Amino acid sequence: MFSKFIAFVQESKQELKRVEWPTKAETIRMTLIVVFISLAAAIYLGALDYAFTKLLGLFI
């Protein structure tokens, strides 16, 4: 069982060497895109929540 674990770790290390990691600039750009989209979605959903709350208040 221990030998299977050692083999798994060795194969994992080999696989990680083959990964094409993003550059620092790509990482920053993608992070900013994710943050912007998250903020836009939060604002949109917040506005919908506010509007539906006010609309529901009119009916109650």
N, C-alpha and C. Protein backbone atom coordinates (compact mmCIF):
# COMPACT_ATOMS: atom_id res chain seq x y z
N MET A 1 0.83 -1.19 0.00
CA MET A 1 0.00 0.00 0.00
C MET A 1 0.87 1.25 0.00
N PHE A 2 1.95 1.24 0.76
CA PHE A 2 2.85 2.39 0.81
C PHE A 2 3.53 2.61 -0.54
N SER A 3 3.82 1.54 -1.26
CA SER A 3 4.47 1.67 -2.56
C SER A 3 3.53 2.35 -3.57
N LYS A 4 2.23 2.09 -3.44
CA LYS A 4 1.27 2.76 -4.33
C LYS A 4 1.23 4.26 -4.06
N PHE A 5 1.35 4.62 -2.79
CA PHE A 5 1.38 6.04 -2.43
C PHE A 5 2.62 6.72 -3.00
N ILE A 6 3.77 6.07 -2.88
CA ILE A 6 5.02 6.62 -3.42
C ILE A 6 4.90 6.78 -4.94
N ALA A 7 4.34 5.79 -5.61
CA ALA A 7 4.17 5.86 -7.07
C ALA A 7 3.24 7.02 -7.43
N PHE A 8 2.18 7.19 -6.65
CA PHE A 8 1.24 8.28 -6.91
C PHE A 8 1.94 9.63 -6.78
N VAL A 9 2.75 9.81 -5.74
CA VAL A 9 3.45 11.07 -5.54
C VAL A 9 4.44 11.33 -6.67
N GLN A 10 5.15 10.32 -7.11
CA GLN A 10 6.12 10.47 -8.20
C GLN A 10 5.41 10.83 -9.50
N GLU A 11 4.30 10.17 -9.79
CA GLU A 11 3.55 10.47 -11.00
C GLU A 11 2.96 11.88 -10.94
N SER A 12 2.54 12.29 -9.77
CA SER A 12 2.00 13.64 -9.61
C SER A 12 3.07 14.68 -9.88
N LYS A 13 4.27 14.46 -9.37
CA LYS A 13 5.37 15.39 -9.60
C LYS A 13 5.69 15.49 -11.10
N GLN A 14 5.71 14.35 -11.79
CA GLN A 14 5.98 14.35 -13.22
C GLN A 14 4.89 15.11 -13.98
N GLU A 15 3.66 14.92 -13.57
CA GLU A 15 2.54 15.58 -14.25
C GLU A 15 2.59 17.09 -14.02
N LEU A 16 2.96 17.51 -12.83
CA LEU A 16 3.05 18.94 -12.54
C LEU A 16 4.14 19.62 -13.36
N LYS A 17 5.18 18.88 -13.74
CA LYS A 17 6.23 19.45 -14.57
C LYS A 17 5.73 19.71 -15.99
N ARG A 18 4.71 18.99 -16.41
CA ARG A 18 4.17 19.14 -17.78
C ARG A 18 3.14 20.26 -17.88
N VAL A 19 2.66 20.74 -16.75
CA VAL A 19 1.64 21.78 -16.75
C VAL A 19 2.22 23.08 -17.29
N GLU A 20 1.46 23.74 -18.14
CA GLU A 20 1.87 25.04 -18.65
C GLU A 20 1.25 26.11 -17.76
N TRP A 21 2.06 26.63 -16.83
CA TRP A 21 1.57 27.59 -15.85
C TRP A 21 1.43 28.96 -16.49
N PRO A 22 0.42 29.73 -16.07
CA PRO A 22 0.26 31.08 -16.64
C PRO A 22 1.34 32.02 -16.13
N THR A 23 1.60 33.04 -16.92
CA THR A 23 2.57 34.05 -16.50
C THR A 23 1.94 34.94 -15.43
N LYS A 24 2.77 35.76 -14.82
CA LYS A 24 2.27 36.66 -13.79
C LYS A 24 1.25 37.64 -14.37
N ALA A 25 1.53 38.14 -15.57
CA ALA A 25 0.61 39.09 -16.22
C ALA A 25 -0.74 38.42 -16.52
N GLU A 26 -0.70 37.19 -17.00
CA GLU A 26 -1.95 36.48 -17.29
C GLU A 26 -2.75 36.23 -16.01
N THR A 27 -2.05 35.88 -14.94
CA THR A 27 -2.72 35.63 -13.67
C THR A 27 -3.39 36.89 -13.15
N ILE A 28 -2.70 38.01 -13.22
CA ILE A 28 -3.28 39.27 -12.76
C ILE A 28 -4.48 39.66 -13.61
N ARG A 29 -4.36 39.52 -14.93
CA ARG A 29 -5.44 39.87 -15.84
C ARG A 29 -6.67 39.01 -15.59
N MET A 30 -6.49 37.72 -15.46
CA MET A 30 -7.62 36.82 -15.22
C MET A 30 -8.26 37.07 -13.84
N THR A 31 -7.43 37.39 -12.85
CA THR A 31 -7.95 37.70 -11.53
C THR A 31 -8.81 38.95 -11.56
N LEU A 32 -8.35 39.97 -12.27
CA LEU A 32 -9.13 41.21 -12.39
C LEU A 32 -10.45 40.96 -13.12
N ILE A 33 -10.42 40.12 -14.13
CA ILE A 33 -11.65 39.79 -14.85
C ILE A 33 -12.64 39.10 -13.91
N VAL A 34 -12.17 38.16 -13.12
CA VAL A 34 -13.04 37.45 -12.18
C VAL A 34 -13.62 38.41 -11.15
N VAL A 35 -12.78 39.30 -10.61
CA VAL A 35 -13.25 40.27 -9.61
C VAL A 35 -14.29 41.19 -10.23
N PHE A 36 -14.04 41.69 -11.43
CA PHE A 36 -14.99 42.59 -12.10
C PHE A 36 -16.32 41.90 -12.36
N ILE A 37 -16.29 40.69 -12.88
CA ILE A 37 -17.53 39.97 -13.16
C ILE A 37 -18.28 39.67 -11.86
N SER A 38 -17.55 39.33 -10.81
CA SER A 38 -18.19 39.07 -9.52
C SER A 38 -18.87 40.32 -8.97
N LEU A 39 -18.19 41.46 -9.06
CA LEU A 39 -18.78 42.71 -8.60
C LEU A 39 -20.00 43.09 -9.44
N ALA A 40 -19.91 42.91 -10.75
CA ALA A 40 -21.03 43.23 -11.62
C ALA A 40 -22.24 42.34 -11.30
N ALA A 41 -22.00 41.08 -11.08
CA ALA A 41 -23.09 40.16 -10.74
C ALA A 41 -23.70 40.53 -9.38
N ALA A 42 -22.86 40.90 -8.42
CA ALA A 42 -23.35 41.29 -7.09
C ALA A 42 -24.21 42.55 -7.18
N ILE A 43 -23.77 43.51 -7.95
CA ILE A 43 -24.55 44.75 -8.11
C ILE A 43 -25.87 44.46 -8.81
N TYR A 44 -25.83 43.66 -9.85
CA TYR A 44 -27.04 43.31 -10.59
C TYR A 44 -28.03 42.57 -9.70
N LEU A 45 -27.55 41.56 -8.99
CA LEU A 45 -28.45 40.79 -8.12
C LEU A 45 -28.95 41.63 -6.95
N GLY A 46 -28.11 42.52 -6.43
CA GLY A 46 -28.54 43.43 -5.37
C GLY A 46 -29.63 44.37 -5.84
N ALA A 47 -29.48 44.88 -7.06
CA ALA A 47 -30.50 45.77 -7.62
C ALA A 47 -31.82 45.01 -7.83
N LEU A 48 -31.74 43.79 -8.33
CA LEU A 48 -32.96 42.99 -8.50
C LEU A 48 -33.62 42.71 -7.16
N ASP A 49 -32.83 42.38 -6.16
CA ASP A 49 -33.37 42.11 -4.83
C ASP A 49 -34.06 43.36 -4.28
N TYR A 50 -33.43 44.50 -4.42
CA TYR A 50 -34.01 45.75 -3.94
C TYR A 50 -35.33 46.05 -4.66
N ALA A 51 -35.33 45.88 -5.99
CA ALA A 51 -36.53 46.16 -6.77
C ALA A 51 -37.67 45.22 -6.39
N PHE A 52 -37.38 43.94 -6.27
CA PHE A 52 -38.43 42.98 -5.92
C PHE A 52 -38.92 43.18 -4.49
N THR A 53 -38.03 43.60 -3.60
CA THR A 53 -38.45 43.88 -2.22
C THR A 53 -39.41 45.06 -2.20
N LYS A 54 -39.08 46.12 -2.94
CA LYS A 54 -39.98 47.28 -3.01
C LYS A 54 -41.31 46.90 -3.67
N LEU A 55 -41.26 46.10 -4.72
CA LEU A 55 -42.46 45.68 -5.42
C LEU A 55 -43.34 44.81 -4.50
N LEU A 56 -42.74 43.95 -3.77
CA LEU A 56 -43.48 43.10 -2.83
C LEU A 56 -44.08 43.95 -1.71
N GLY A 57 -43.38 44.99 -1.29
CA GLY A 57 -43.89 45.91 -0.27
C GLY A 57 -45.14 46.63 -0.73
N LEU A 58 -45.25 46.88 -2.02
CA LEU A 58 -46.45 47.54 -2.55
C LEU A 58 -47.68 46.62 -2.47
N PHE A 59 -47.45 45.32 -2.61
CA PHE A 59 -48.57 44.37 -2.60
C PHE A 59 -48.99 43.97 -1.19
N ILE A 60 -48.09 44.13 -0.25
CA ILE A 60 -48.41 43.69 1.13
C ILE A 60 -49.04 44.80 1.93
